[in-house]
């Protein structure tokens, strides 16, 4: 019986792969044998180093997911430049810390765009 947790030969795109939970997900995918395509707006060098140390494969893609119009083209570009994807982990997210009565509409829109709208658009693509 094959390993049910093996991702060998699979290519998984992980948003927000630079730190925290996203980095942990990326490292876990690599540990399971998958190739990680990390998407982030800041450096993913630390994630790339951790995965390389394990002998895994990591491709960094720079993108600001706050720009909702970039979601579909991002997936198209990754697919065209490096081949098909087998999975998508929508991990990227932002927060604006303020009491509800003080949170501006612009801050609300920023959070909803990254945490919900971009997730929907990436899944749709």
PDB file of N, CA and C in Angstrom:
ATOM      1  N   UNK A   1       0.842  -1.178   0.000  1.00  0.00           N
ATOM      2  CA  UNK A   1       0.000   0.000   0.000  1.00  0.00           C
ATOM      3  C   UNK A   1       0.886   1.241   0.000  1.00  0.00           C
ATOM      4  N   UNK A   2       0.529   2.218  -0.797  1.00  0.00           N
ATOM      5  CA  UNK A   2       1.309   3.450  -0.854  1.00  0.00           C
ATOM      6  C   UNK A   2       1.032   4.310   0.372  1.00  0.00           C
ATOM      7  N   UNK A   3       1.936   5.224   0.626  1.00  0.00           N
ATOM      8  CA  UNK A   3       1.797   6.134   1.766  1.00  0.00           C
ATOM      9  C   UNK A   3       0.621   7.075   1.530  1.00  0.00           C
ATOM     10  N   UNK A   4      -0.408   7.035   2.374  1.00  0.00           N
ATOM     11  CA  UNK A   4      -1.582   7.886   2.147  1.00  0.00           C
ATOM     12  C   UNK A   4      -1.297   9.378   2.336  1.00  0.00           C
ATOM     13  N   UNK A   5      -0.145   9.706   2.922  1.00  0.00           N
ATOM     14  CA  UNK A   5       0.199  11.105   3.142  1.00  0.00           C
ATOM     15  C   UNK A   5       1.240  11.611   2.158  1.00  0.00           C
ATOM     16  N   UNK A   6       1.573  10.799   1.184  1.00  0.00           N
ATOM     17  CA  UNK A   6       2.578  11.185   0.203  1.00  0.00           C
ATOM     18  C   UNK A   6       2.015  12.199  -0.789  1.00  0.00           C
ATOM     19  N   UNK A   7       2.809  13.223  -1.031  1.00  0.00           N
ATOM     20  CA  UNK A   7       2.488  14.206  -2.075  1.00  0.00           C
ATOM     21  C   UNK A   7       3.535  14.162  -3.177  1.00  0.00           C
ATOM     22  N   UNK A   8       4.251  13.059  -3.264  1.00  0.00           N
ATOM     23  CA  UNK A   8       5.294  12.906  -4.277  1.00  0.00           C
ATOM     24  C   UNK A   8       4.705  13.138  -5.664  1.00  0.00           C
ATOM     25  N   UNK A   9       5.397  13.986  -6.422  1.00  0.00           N
ATOM     26  CA  UNK A   9       4.960  14.291  -7.775  1.00  0.00           C
ATOM     27  C   UNK A   9       3.850  15.324  -7.862  1.00  0.00           C
ATOM     28  N   UNK A  10       3.391  15.839  -6.740  1.00  0.00           N
ATOM     29  CA  UNK A  10       2.312  16.838  -6.722  1.00  0.00           C
ATOM     30  C   UNK A  10       2.899  18.236  -6.578  1.00  0.00           C
ATOM     31  N   UNK A  11       2.245  19.199  -7.216  1.00  0.00           N
ATOM     32  CA  UNK A  11       2.652  20.613  -7.148  1.00  0.00           C
ATOM     33  C   UNK A  11       1.537  21.385  -6.458  1.00  0.00           C
ATOM     34  N   UNK A  12       1.870  21.963  -5.311  1.00  0.00           N
ATOM     35  CA  UNK A  12       0.871  22.634  -4.482  1.00  0.00           C
ATOM     36  C   UNK A  12       1.243  24.105  -4.324  1.00  0.00           C
ATOM     37  N   UNK A  13       0.300  24.991  -4.643  1.00  0.00           N
ATOM     38  CA  UNK A  13       0.505  26.429  -4.466  1.00  0.00           C
ATOM     39  C   UNK A  13       0.015  26.816  -3.079  1.00  0.00           C
ATOM     40  N   UNK A  14       0.863  27.535  -2.326  1.00  0.00           N
ATOM     41  CA  UNK A  14       0.545  27.972  -0.967  1.00  0.00           C
ATOM     42  C   UNK A  14       0.681  29.486  -0.906  1.00  0.00           C
ATOM     43  N   UNK A  15      -0.417  30.172  -0.604  1.00  0.00           N
ATOM     44  CA  UNK A  15      -0.336  31.628  -0.450  1.00  0.00           C
ATOM     45  C   UNK A  15       0.110  31.953   0.976  1.00  0.00           C
ATOM     46  N   UNK A  16       0.828  33.060   1.109  1.00  0.00           N
ATOM     47  CA  UNK A  16       1.320  33.465   2.424  1.00  0.00           C
ATOM     48  C   UNK A  16       2.349  32.494   2.969  1.00  0.00           C
ATOM     49  N   UNK A  17       3.226  31.991   2.104  1.00  0.00           N
ATOM     50  CA  UNK A  17       4.181  30.945   2.478  1.00  0.00           C
ATOM     51  C   UNK A  17       5.442  31.492   3.135  1.00  0.00           C
ATOM     52  N   UNK A  18       5.484  32.776   3.437  1.00  0.00           N
ATOM     53  CA  UNK A  18       6.721  33.367   3.944  1.00  0.00           C
ATOM     54  C   UNK A  18       6.932  33.187   5.444  1.00  0.00           C
ATOM     55  N   UNK A  19       5.864  33.135   6.242  1.00  0.00           N
ATOM     56  CA  UNK A  19       6.018  33.018   7.698  1.00  0.00           C
ATOM     57  C   UNK A  19       4.846  32.235   8.290  1.00  0.00           C
ATOM     58  N   UNK A  20       4.970  31.960   9.569  1.00  0.00           N
ATOM     59  CA  UNK A  20       3.865  31.417  10.347  1.00  0.00           C
ATOM     60  C   UNK A  20       3.237  30.153   9.804  1.00  0.00           C
ATOM     61  N   UNK A  21       1.910  30.145   9.807  1.00  0.00           N
ATOM     62  CA  UNK A  21       1.161  28.967   9.379  1.00  0.00           C
ATOM     63  C   UNK A  21       1.479  28.614   7.929  1.00  0.00           C
ATOM     64  N   UNK A  22       1.547  29.608   7.057  1.00  0.00           N
ATOM     65  CA  UNK A  22       1.843  29.347   5.647  1.00  0.00           C
ATOM     66  C   UNK A  22       3.195  28.686   5.458  1.00  0.00           C
ATOM     67  N   UNK A  23       4.190  29.139   6.209  1.00  0.00           N
ATOM     68  CA  UNK A  23       5.505  28.518   6.136  1.00  0.00           C
ATOM     69  C   UNK A  23       5.437  27.077   6.640  1.00  0.00           C
ATOM     70  N   UNK A  24       4.709  26.866   7.724  1.00  0.00           N
ATOM     71  CA  UNK A  24       4.549  25.511   8.251  1.00  0.00           C
ATOM     72  C   UNK A  24       3.867  24.583   7.265  1.00  0.00           C
ATOM     73  N   UNK A  25       2.855  25.087   6.593  1.00  0.00           N
ATOM     74  CA  UNK A  25       2.156  24.290   5.571  1.00  0.00           C
ATOM     75  C   UNK A  25       3.115  23.961   4.426  1.00  0.00           C
ATOM     76  N   UNK A  26       3.860  24.956   3.966  1.00  0.00           N
ATOM     77  CA  UNK A  26       4.798  24.747   2.864  1.00  0.00           C
ATOM     78  C   UNK A  26       5.844  23.697   3.229  1.00  0.00           C
ATOM     79  N   UNK A  27       6.404  23.799   4.414  1.00  0.00           N
ATOM     80  CA  UNK A  27       7.416  22.836   4.862  1.00  0.00           C
ATOM     81  C   UNK A  27       6.803  21.440   4.972  1.00  0.00           C
ATOM     82  N   UNK A  28       5.586  21.346   5.470  1.00  0.00           N
ATOM     83  CA  UNK A  28       4.917  20.043   5.599  1.00  0.00           C
ATOM     84  C   UNK A  28       4.640  19.407   4.237  1.00  0.00           C
ATOM     85  N   UNK A  29       4.239  20.214   3.279  1.00  0.00           N
ATOM     86  CA  UNK A  29       4.012  19.701   1.917  1.00  0.00           C
ATOM     87  C   UNK A  29       5.321  19.168   1.341  1.00  0.00           C
ATOM     88  N   UNK A  30       6.384  19.920   1.518  1.00  0.00           N
ATOM     89  CA  UNK A  30       7.695  19.480   1.016  1.00  0.00           C
ATOM     90  C   UNK A  30       8.135  18.201   1.724  1.00  0.00           C
ATOM     91  N   UNK A  31       7.912  18.126   3.027  1.00  0.00           N
ATOM     92  CA  UNK A  31       8.278  16.931   3.790  1.00  0.00           C
ATOM     93  C   UNK A  31       7.530  15.703   3.258  1.00  0.00           C
ATOM     94  N   UNK A  32       6.313  15.914   2.775  1.00  0.00           N
ATOM     95  CA  UNK A  32       5.508  14.821   2.216  1.00  0.00           C
ATOM     96  C   UNK A  32       5.858  14.540   0.753  1.00  0.00           C
ATOM     97  N   UNK A  33       6.854  15.250   0.226  1.00  0.00           N
ATOM     98  CA  UNK A  33       7.331  14.970  -1.127  1.00  0.00           C
ATOM     99  C   UNK A  33       6.801  15.875  -2.213  1.00  0.00           C
ATOM    100  N   UNK A  34       5.943  16.828  -1.858  1.00  0.00           N
ATOM    101  CA  UNK A  34       5.376  17.723  -2.856  1.00  0.00           C
ATOM    102  C   UNK A  34       6.288  18.888  -3.191  1.00  0.00           C
ATOM    103  N   UNK A  35       6.117  19.415  -4.384  1.00  0.00           N
ATOM    104  CA  UNK A  35       6.793  20.648  -4.779  1.00  0.00           C
ATOM    105  C   UNK A  35       5.903  21.803  -4.344  1.00  0.00           C
ATOM    106  N   UNK A  36       6.480  22.784  -3.681  1.00  0.00           N
ATOM    107  CA  UNK A  36       5.737  23.931  -3.169  1.00  0.00           C
ATOM    108  C   UNK A  36       5.967  25.134  -4.066  1.00  0.00           C
ATOM    109  N   UNK A  37       4.877  25.752  -4.492  1.00  0.00           N
ATOM    110  CA  UNK A  37       4.940  27.039  -5.161  1.00  0.00           C
ATOM    111  C   UNK A  37       4.421  28.037  -4.133  1.00  0.00           C
ATOM    112  N   UNK A  38       5.333  28.790  -3.549  1.00  0.00           N
ATOM    113  CA  UNK A  38       4.974  29.738  -2.501  1.00  0.00           C
ATOM    114  C   UNK A  38       4.662  31.096  -3.092  1.00  0.00           C
ATOM    115  N   UNK A  39       3.553  31.667  -2.656  1.00  0.00           N
ATOM    116  CA  UNK A  39       3.145  32.994  -3.122  1.00  0.00           C
ATOM    117  C   UNK A  39       3.145  33.937  -1.932  1.00  0.00           C
ATOM    118  N   UNK A  40       3.784  35.087  -2.105  1.00  0.00           N
ATOM    119  CA  UNK A  40       3.805  36.072  -1.038  1.00  0.00           C
ATOM    120  C   UNK A  40       4.244  37.427  -1.545  1.00  0.00           C
ATOM    121  N   UNK A  41       3.971  38.435  -0.740  1.00  0.00           N
ATOM    122  CA  UNK A  41       4.384  39.777  -1.136  1.00  0.00           C
ATOM    123  C   UNK A  41       5.726  40.158  -0.524  1.00  0.00           C
ATOM    124  N   UNK A  42       6.213  39.350   0.422  1.00  0.00           N
ATOM    125  CA  UNK A  42       7.529  39.601   1.001  1.00  0.00           C
ATOM    126  C   UNK A  42       8.414  38.367   0.806  1.00  0.00           C
ATOM    127  N   UNK A  43       9.650  38.493   1.167  1.00  0.00           N
ATOM    128  CA  UNK A  43      10.642  37.447   0.920  1.00  0.00           C
ATOM    129  C   UNK A  43      10.220  36.102   1.515  1.00  0.00           C
ATOM    130  N   UNK A  44      10.441  35.064   0.744  1.00  0.00           N
ATOM    131  CA  UNK A  44      10.190  33.697   1.202  1.00  0.00           C
ATOM    132  C   UNK A  44      11.498  32.928   1.298  1.00  0.00           C
ATOM    133  N   UNK A  45      12.615  33.667   1.437  1.00  0.00           N
ATOM    134  CA  UNK A  45      13.936  33.047   1.498  1.00  0.00           C
ATOM    135  C   UNK A  45      14.056  32.063   2.654  1.00  0.00           C
ATOM    136  N   UNK A  46      13.500  32.391   3.814  1.00  0.00           N
ATOM    137  CA  UNK A  46      13.591  31.504   4.968  1.00  0.00           C
ATOM    138  C   UNK A  46      12.855  30.192   4.693  1.00  0.00           C
ATOM    139  N   UNK A  47      11.678  30.285   4.096  1.00  0.00           N
ATOM    140  CA  UNK A  47      10.922  29.087   3.738  1.00  0.00           C
ATOM    141  C   UNK A  47      11.694  28.261   2.718  1.00  0.00           C
ATOM    142  N   UNK A  48      12.263  28.919   1.721  1.00  0.00           N
ATOM    143  CA  UNK A  48      13.040  28.224   0.694  1.00  0.00           C
ATOM    144  C   UNK A  48      14.228  27.491   1.329  1.00  0.00           C
ATOM    145  N   UNK A  49      14.906  28.129   2.292  1.00  0.00           N
ATOM    146  CA  UNK A  49      16.047  27.509   2.969  1.00  0.00           C
ATOM    147  C   UNK A  49      15.613  26.273   3.755  1.00  0.00           C
ATOM    148  N   UNK A  50      14.520  26.402   4.497  1.00  0.00           N
ATOM    149  CA  UNK A  50      14.031  25.268   5.290  1.00  0.00           C
ATOM    150  C   UNK A  50      13.702  24.073   4.393  1.00  0.00           C
ATOM    151  N   UNK A  51      13.071  24.347   3.276  1.00  0.00           N
ATOM    152  CA  UNK A  51      12.691  23.270   2.356  1.00  0.00           C
ATOM    153  C   UNK A  51      13.918  22.689   1.665  1.00  0.00           C
ATOM    154  N   UNK A  52      14.853  23.534   1.269  1.00  0.00           N
ATOM    155  CA  UNK A  52      16.084  23.055   0.619  1.00  0.00           C
ATOM    156  C   UNK A  52      16.889  22.170   1.565  1.00  0.00           C
ATOM    157  N   UNK A  53      16.923  22.528   2.841  1.00  0.00           N
ATOM    158  CA  UNK A  53      17.644  21.741   3.838  1.00  0.00           C
ATOM    159  C   UNK A  53      17.105  20.317   3.913  1.00  0.00           C
ATOM    160  N   UNK A  54      15.813  20.151   3.672  1.00  0.00           N
ATOM    161  CA  UNK A  54      15.182  18.830   3.691  1.00  0.00           C
ATOM    162  C   UNK A  54      15.313  18.119   2.349  1.00  0.00           C
ATOM    163  N   UNK A  55      15.856  18.815   1.359  1.00  0.00           N
ATOM    164  CA  UNK A  55      15.961  18.241   0.027  1.00  0.00           C
ATOM    165  C   UNK A  55      14.701  18.414  -0.805  1.00  0.00           C
ATOM    166  N   UNK A  56      13.815  19.295  -0.349  1.00  0.00           N
ATOM    167  CA  UNK A  56      12.560  19.524  -1.062  1.00  0.00           C
ATOM    168  C   UNK A  56      12.685  20.573  -2.150  1.00  0.00           C
ATOM    169  N   UNK A  57      11.595  20.750  -2.875  1.00  0.00           N
ATOM    170  CA  UNK A  57      11.567  21.711  -3.981  1.00  0.00           C
ATOM    171  C   UNK A  57      10.614  22.853  -3.646  1.00  0.00           C
ATOM    172  N   UNK A  58      11.080  24.077  -3.894  1.00  0.00           N
ATOM    173  CA  UNK A  58      10.310  25.283  -3.602  1.00  0.00           C
ATOM    174  C   UNK A  58      10.497  26.292  -4.722  1.00  0.00           C
ATOM    175  N   UNK A  59       9.401  26.856  -5.185  1.00  0.00           N
ATOM    176  CA  UNK A  59       9.434  27.926  -6.179  1.00  0.00           C
ATOM    177  C   UNK A  59       8.729  29.131  -5.558  1.00  0.00           C
ATOM    178  N   UNK A  60       9.391  30.280  -5.544  1.00  0.00           N
ATOM    179  CA  UNK A  60       8.805  31.492  -4.984  1.00  0.00           C
ATOM    180  C   UNK A  60       8.159  32.324  -6.087  1.00  0.00           C
ATOM    181  N   UNK A  61       6.960  32.803  -5.817  1.00  0.00           N
ATOM    182  CA  UNK A  61       6.248  33.682  -6.736  1.00  0.00           C
ATOM    183  C   UNK A  61       5.846  34.924  -5.947  1.00  0.00           C
ATOM    184  N   UNK A  62       6.327  36.061  -6.376  1.00  0.00           N
ATOM    185  CA  UNK A  62       6.010  37.311  -5.704  1.00  0.00           C
ATOM    186  C   UNK A  62       4.685  37.863  -6.219  1.00  0.00           C
ATOM    187  N   UNK A  63       3.775  38.136  -5.281  1.00  0.00           N
ATOM    188  CA  UNK A  63       2.479  38.709  -5.654  1.00  0.00           C
ATOM    189  C   UNK A  63       1.845  39.346  -4.426  1.00  0.00           C
ATOM    190  N   UNK A  64       1.168  40.444  -4.647  1.00  0.00           N
ATOM    191  CA  UNK A  64       0.415  41.106  -3.582  1.00  0.00           C
ATOM    192  C   UNK A  64      -1.054  40.741  -3.761  1.00  0.00           C
ATOM    193  N   UNK A  65      -1.546  39.855  -2.920  1.00  0.00           N
ATOM    194  CA  UNK A  65      -2.915  39.370  -3.058  1.00  0.00           C
ATOM    195  C   UNK A  65      -3.963  40.386  -2.632  1.00  0.00           C
ATOM    196  N   UNK A  66      -3.521  41.559  -2.169  1.00  0.00           N
ATOM    197  CA  UNK A  66      -4.468  42.637  -1.910  1.00  0.00           C
ATOM    198  C   UNK A  66      -5.024  43.195  -3.218  1.00  0.00           C
ATOM    199  N   UNK A  67      -4.310  42.948  -4.303  1.00  0.00           N
ATOM    200  CA  UNK A  67      -4.772  43.339  -5.633  1.00  0.00           C
ATOM    201  C   UNK A  67      -5.624  42.196  -6.173  1.00  0.00           C
ATOM    202  N   UNK A  68      -6.922  42.279  -5.969  1.00  0.00           N
ATOM    203  CA  UNK A  68      -7.812  41.172  -6.338  1.00  0.00           C
ATOM    204  C   UNK A  68      -7.802  40.882  -7.837  1.00  0.00           C
ATOM    205  N   UNK A  69      -7.475  41.869  -8.641  1.00  0.00           N
ATOM    206  CA  UNK A  69      -7.443  41.639 -10.091  1.00  0.00           C
ATOM    207  C   UNK A  69      -6.257  40.780 -10.507  1.00  0.00           C
ATOM    208  N   UNK A  70      -5.323  40.529  -9.589  1.00  0.00           N
ATOM    209  CA  UNK A  70      -4.134  39.747  -9.913  1.00  0.00           C
ATOM    210  C   UNK A  70      -4.335  38.248  -9.698  1.00  0.00           C
ATOM    211  N   UNK A  71      -5.417  37.837  -9.046  1.00  0.00           N
ATOM    212  CA  UNK A  71      -5.602  36.433  -8.668  1.00  0.00           C
ATOM    213  C   UNK A  71      -5.626  35.495  -9.871  1.00  0.00           C
ATOM    214  N   UNK A  72      -6.520  35.718 -10.804  1.00  0.00           N
ATOM    215  CA  UNK A  72      -6.613  34.855 -11.979  1.00  0.00           C
ATOM    216  C   UNK A  72      -5.348  34.853 -12.807  1.00  0.00           C
ATOM    217  N   UNK A  73      -4.817  36.025 -13.148  1.00  0.00           N
ATOM    218  CA  UNK A  73      -3.568  36.063 -13.904  1.00  0.00           C
ATOM    219  C   UNK A  73      -2.400  35.392 -13.175  1.00  0.00           C
ATOM    220  N   UNK A  74      -2.391  35.454 -11.848  1.00  0.00           N
ATOM    221  CA  UNK A  74      -1.340  34.799 -11.080  1.00  0.00           C
ATOM    222  C   UNK A  74      -1.345  33.298 -11.347  1.00  0.00           C
ATOM    223  N   UNK A  75      -2.502  32.670 -11.231  1.00  0.00           N
ATOM    224  CA  UNK A  75      -2.578  31.231 -11.480  1.00  0.00           C
ATOM    225  C   UNK A  75      -2.254  30.896 -12.935  1.00  0.00           C
ATOM    226  N   UNK A  76      -2.733  31.699 -13.854  1.00  0.00           N
ATOM    227  CA  UNK A  76      -2.413  31.477 -15.272  1.00  0.00           C
ATOM    228  C   UNK A  76      -0.910  31.540 -15.507  1.00  0.00           C
ATOM    229  N   UNK A  77      -0.257  32.533 -14.910  1.00  0.00           N
ATOM    230  CA  UNK A  77       1.193  32.706 -15.082  1.00  0.00           C
ATOM    231  C   UNK A  77       1.953  31.509 -14.512  1.00  0.00           C
ATOM    232  N   UNK A  78       1.588  31.079 -13.294  1.00  0.00           N
ATOM    233  CA  UNK A  78       2.261  29.930 -12.683  1.00  0.00           C
ATOM    234  C   UNK A  78       2.069  28.694 -13.549  1.00  0.00           C
ATOM    235  N   UNK A  79       0.844  28.478 -14.002  1.00  0.00           N
ATOM    236  CA  UNK A  79       0.531  27.308 -14.828  1.00  0.00           C
ATOM    237  C   UNK A  79       1.334  27.338 -16.130  1.00  0.00           C
ATOM    238  N   UNK A  80       1.374  28.514 -16.791  1.00  0.00           N
ATOM    239  CA  UNK A  80       2.080  28.649 -18.062  1.00  0.00           C
ATOM    240  C   UNK A  80       3.592  28.512 -17.910  1.00  0.00           C
ATOM    241  N   UNK A  81       4.144  29.073 -16.818  1.00  0.00           N
ATOM    242  CA  UNK A  81       5.595  29.092 -16.650  1.00  0.00           C
ATOM    243  C   UNK A  81       6.164  27.807 -16.065  1.00  0.00           C
ATOM    244  N   UNK A  82       5.382  27.116 -15.229  1.00  0.00           N
ATOM    245  CA  UNK A  82       5.990  25.950 -14.575  1.00  0.00           C
ATOM    246  C   UNK A  82       5.111  24.707 -14.537  1.00  0.00           C
ATOM    247  N   UNK A  83       3.982  24.753 -15.189  1.00  0.00           N
ATOM    248  CA  UNK A  83       3.174  23.548 -15.311  1.00  0.00           C
ATOM    249  C   UNK A  83       1.951  23.530 -14.414  1.00  0.00           C
ATOM    250  N   UNK A  84       1.146  22.470 -14.573  1.00  0.00           N
ATOM    251  CA  UNK A  84      -0.124  22.385 -13.853  1.00  0.00           C
ATOM    252  C   UNK A  84       0.049  22.241 -12.344  1.00  0.00           C
ATOM    253  N   UNK A  85      -0.975  22.625 -11.635  1.00  0.00           N
ATOM    254  CA  UNK A  85      -1.011  22.520 -10.177  1.00  0.00           C
ATOM    255  C   UNK A  85      -1.930  21.373  -9.772  1.00  0.00           C
ATOM    256  N   UNK A  86      -1.593  20.753  -8.650  1.00  0.00           N
ATOM    257  CA  UNK A  86      -2.413  19.676  -8.110  1.00  0.00           C
ATOM    258  C   UNK A  86      -3.197  20.114  -6.887  1.00  0.00           C
ATOM    259  N   UNK A  87      -2.838  21.261  -6.326  1.00  0.00           N
ATOM    260  CA  UNK A  87      -3.537  21.720  -5.130  1.00  0.00           C
ATOM    261  C   UNK A  87      -3.298  23.193  -4.870  1.00  0.00           C
ATOM    262  N   UNK A  88      -4.178  23.751  -4.057  1.00  0.00           N
ATOM    263  CA  UNK A  88      -4.123  25.171  -3.696  1.00  0.00           C
ATOM    264  C   UNK A  88      -4.428  25.298  -2.217  1.00  0.00           C
ATOM    265  N   UNK A  89      -3.530  25.971  -1.476  1.00  0.00           N
ATOM    266  CA  UNK A  89      -3.767  26.273  -0.073  1.00  0.00           C
ATOM    267  C   UNK A  89      -3.883  27.784   0.053  1.00  0.00           C
ATOM    268  N   UNK A  90      -5.090  28.257   0.306  1.00  0.00           N
ATOM    269  CA  UNK A  90      -5.344  29.693   0.475  1.00  0.00           C
ATOM    270  C   UNK A  90      -5.088  30.060   1.936  1.00  0.00           C
ATOM    271  N   UNK A  91      -3.849  30.377   2.237  1.00  0.00           N
ATOM    272  CA  UNK A  91      -3.462  30.684   3.602  1.00  0.00           C
ATOM    273  C   UNK A  91      -3.296  32.184   3.858  1.00  0.00           C
ATOM    274  N   UNK A  92      -2.949  32.958   2.844  1.00  0.00           N
ATOM    275  CA  UNK A  92      -2.648  34.375   3.054  1.00  0.00           C
ATOM    276  C   UNK A  92      -3.842  35.098   3.669  1.00  0.00           C
ATOM    277  N   UNK A  93      -3.550  35.997   4.566  1.00  0.00           N
ATOM    278  CA  UNK A  93      -4.601  36.796   5.175  1.00  0.00           C
ATOM    279  C   UNK A  93      -4.006  38.009   5.861  1.00  0.00           C
ATOM    280  N   UNK A  94      -4.848  38.989   6.092  1.00  0.00           N
ATOM    281  CA  UNK A  94      -4.409  40.194   6.799  1.00  0.00           C
ATOM    282  C   UNK A  94      -5.409  40.508   7.896  1.00  0.00           C
ATOM    283  N   UNK A  95      -5.004  41.392   8.786  1.00  0.00           N
ATOM    284  CA  UNK A  95      -5.880  41.846   9.856  1.00  0.00           C
ATOM    285  C   UNK A  95      -5.644  43.334  10.074  1.00  0.00           C
ATOM    286  N   UNK A  96      -6.664  44.022  10.436  1.00  0.00           N
ATOM    287  CA  UNK A  96      -6.564  45.418  10.857  1.00  0.00           C
ATOM    288  C   UNK A  96      -7.108  45.463  12.279  1.00  0.00           C
ATOM    289  N   UNK A  97      -6.284  45.824  13.206  1.00  0.00           N
ATOM    290  CA  UNK A  97      -6.669  45.808  14.616  1.00  0.00           C
ATOM    291  C   UNK A  97      -7.256  47.160  15.026  1.00  0.00           C
ATOM    292  N   UNK A  98      -8.528  47.122  15.317  1.00  0.00           N
ATOM    293  CA  UNK A  98      -9.215  48.320  15.807  1.00  0.00           C
ATOM    294  C   UNK A  98     -10.559  47.885  16.368  1.00  0.00           C
ATOM    295  N   UNK A  99     -11.069  48.671  17.302  1.00  0.00           N
ATOM    296  CA  UNK A  99     -12.430  48.425  17.763  1.00  0.00           C
ATOM    297  C   UNK A  99     -13.376  48.598  16.581  1.00  0.00           C
ATOM    298  N   UNK A 100     -14.452  47.840  16.580  1.00  0.00           N
ATOM    299  CA  UNK A 100     -15.385  47.874  15.450  1.00  0.00           C
ATOM    300  C   UNK A 100     -15.857  49.290  15.133  1.00  0.00           C
ATOM    301  N   UNK A 101     -16.068  50.093  16.150  1.00  0.00           N
ATOM    302  CA  UNK A 101     -16.558  51.449  15.906  1.00  0.00           C
ATOM    303  C   UNK A 101     -15.488  52.349  15.300  1.00  0.00           C
ATOM    304  N   UNK A 102     -14.217  51.932  15.387  1.00  0.00           N
ATOM    305  CA  UNK A 102     -13.121  52.735  14.855  1.00  0.00           C
ATOM    306  C   UNK A 102     -12.578  52.206  13.534  1.00  0.00           C
ATOM    307  N   UNK A 103     -12.995  51.013  13.122  1.00  0.00           N
ATOM    308  CA  UNK A 103     -12.489  50.412  11.898  1.00  0.00           C
ATOM    309  C   UNK A 103     -13.069  51.139  10.690  1.00  0.00           C
ATOM    310  N   UNK A 104     -12.187  51.618   9.837  1.00  0.00           N
ATOM    311  CA  UNK A 104     -12.663  52.356   8.663  1.00  0.00           C
ATOM    312  C   UNK A 104     -13.206  51.388   7.612  1.00  0.00           C
ATOM    313  N   UNK A 105     -14.010  51.910   6.726  1.00  0.00           N
ATOM    314  CA  UNK A 105     -14.527  51.091   5.638  1.00  0.00           C
ATOM    315  C   UNK A 105     -13.391  50.616   4.737  1.00  0.00           C
ATOM    316  N   UNK A 106     -12.393  51.451   4.535  1.00  0.00           N
ATOM    317  CA  UNK A 106     -11.239  51.067   3.708  1.00  0.00           C
ATOM    318  C   UNK A 106     -10.493  49.891   4.340  1.00  0.00           C
ATOM    319  N   UNK A 107     -10.312  49.930   5.659  1.00  0.00           N
ATOM    320  CA  UNK A 107      -9.658  48.808   6.337  1.00  0.00           C
ATOM    321  C   UNK A 107     -10.498  47.539   6.212  1.00  0.00           C
ATOM    322  N   UNK A 108     -11.817  47.674   6.389  1.00  0.00           N
ATOM    323  CA  UNK A 108     -12.729  46.535   6.228  1.00  0.00           C
ATOM    324  C   UNK A 108     -12.590  45.937   4.821  1.00  0.00           C
ATOM    325  N   UNK A 109     -12.601  46.807   3.816  1.00  0.00           N
ATOM    326  CA  UNK A 109     -12.486  46.346   2.434  1.00  0.00           C
ATOM    327  C   UNK A 109     -11.152  45.643   2.183  1.00  0.00           C
ATOM    328  N   UNK A 110     -10.068  46.178   2.736  1.00  0.00           N
ATOM    329  CA  UNK A 110      -8.754  45.543   2.571  1.00  0.00           C
ATOM    330  C   UNK A 110      -8.755  44.122   3.122  1.00  0.00           C
ATOM    331  N   UNK A 111      -9.296  43.949   4.317  1.00  0.00           N
ATOM    332  CA  UNK A 111      -9.345  42.628   4.949  1.00  0.00           C
ATOM    333  C   UNK A 111     -10.232  41.680   4.140  1.00  0.00           C
ATOM    334  N   UNK A 112     -11.392  42.139   3.736  1.00  0.00           N
ATOM    335  CA  UNK A 112     -12.305  41.287   2.973  1.00  0.00           C
ATOM    336  C   UNK A 112     -11.724  40.912   1.612  1.00  0.00           C
ATOM    337  N   UNK A 113     -11.001  41.845   0.994  1.00  0.00           N
ATOM    338  CA  UNK A 113     -10.398  41.565  -0.318  1.00  0.00           C
ATOM    339  C   UNK A 113      -9.365  40.447  -0.227  1.00  0.00           C
ATOM    340  N   UNK A 114      -8.481  40.517   0.762  1.00  0.00           N
ATOM    341  CA  UNK A 114      -7.438  39.493   0.879  1.00  0.00           C
ATOM    342  C   UNK A 114      -7.999  38.195   1.452  1.00  0.00           C
ATOM    343  N   UNK A 115      -8.777  38.305   2.511  1.00  0.00           N
ATOM    344  CA  UNK A 115      -9.193  37.109   3.249  1.00  0.00           C
ATOM    345  C   UNK A 115     -10.365  36.366   2.618  1.00  0.00           C
ATOM    346  N   UNK A 116     -11.151  37.026   1.803  1.00  0.00           N
ATOM    347  CA  UNK A 116     -12.312  36.368   1.200  1.00  0.00           C
ATOM    348  C   UNK A 116     -12.326  36.450  -0.328  1.00  0.00           C
ATOM    349  N   UNK A 117     -12.266  37.666  -0.849  1.00  0.00           N
ATOM    350  CA  UNK A 117     -12.426  37.826  -2.293  1.00  0.00           C
ATOM    351  C   UNK A 117     -11.308  37.142  -3.075  1.00  0.00           C
ATOM    352  N   UNK A 118     -10.061  37.342  -2.656  1.00  0.00           N
ATOM    353  CA  UNK A 118      -8.948  36.715  -3.369  1.00  0.00           C
ATOM    354  C   UNK A 118      -9.006  35.197  -3.238  1.00  0.00           C
ATOM    355  N   UNK A 119      -9.413  34.700  -2.070  1.00  0.00           N
ATOM    356  CA  UNK A 119      -9.592  33.253  -1.897  1.00  0.00           C
ATOM    357  C   UNK A 119     -10.595  32.723  -2.904  1.00  0.00           C
ATOM    358  N   UNK A 120     -11.734  33.390  -3.019  1.00  0.00           N
ATOM    359  CA  UNK A 120     -12.759  32.980  -3.971  1.00  0.00           C
ATOM    360  C   UNK A 120     -12.210  33.013  -5.394  1.00  0.00           C
ATOM    361  N   UNK A 121     -11.541  34.093  -5.757  1.00  0.00           N
ATOM    362  CA  UNK A 121     -11.048  34.242  -7.129  1.00  0.00           C
ATOM    363  C   UNK A 121      -9.961  33.217  -7.454  1.00  0.00           C
ATOM    364  N   UNK A 122      -9.095  32.901  -6.504  1.00  0.00           N
ATOM    365  CA  UNK A 122      -8.089  31.873  -6.760  1.00  0.00           C
ATOM    366  C   UNK A 122      -8.747  30.504  -6.926  1.00  0.00           C
ATOM    367  N   UNK A 123      -9.714  30.203  -6.084  1.00  0.00           N
ATOM    368  CA  UNK A 123     -10.434  28.926  -6.223  1.00  0.00           C
ATOM    369  C   UNK A 123     -11.178  28.868  -7.560  1.00  0.00           C
ATOM    370  N   UNK A 124     -11.791  29.954  -7.939  1.00  0.00           N
ATOM    371  CA  UNK A 124     -12.515  30.006  -9.186  1.00  0.00           C
ATOM    372  C   UNK A 124     -11.593  29.779 -10.382  1.00  0.00           C
ATOM    373  N   UNK A 125     -10.399  30.354 -10.290  1.00  0.00           N
ATOM    374  CA  UNK A 125      -9.435  30.223 -11.394  1.00  0.00           C
ATOM    375  C   UNK A 125      -8.911  28.805 -11.488  1.00  0.00           C
TER     376      UNK A 125
END
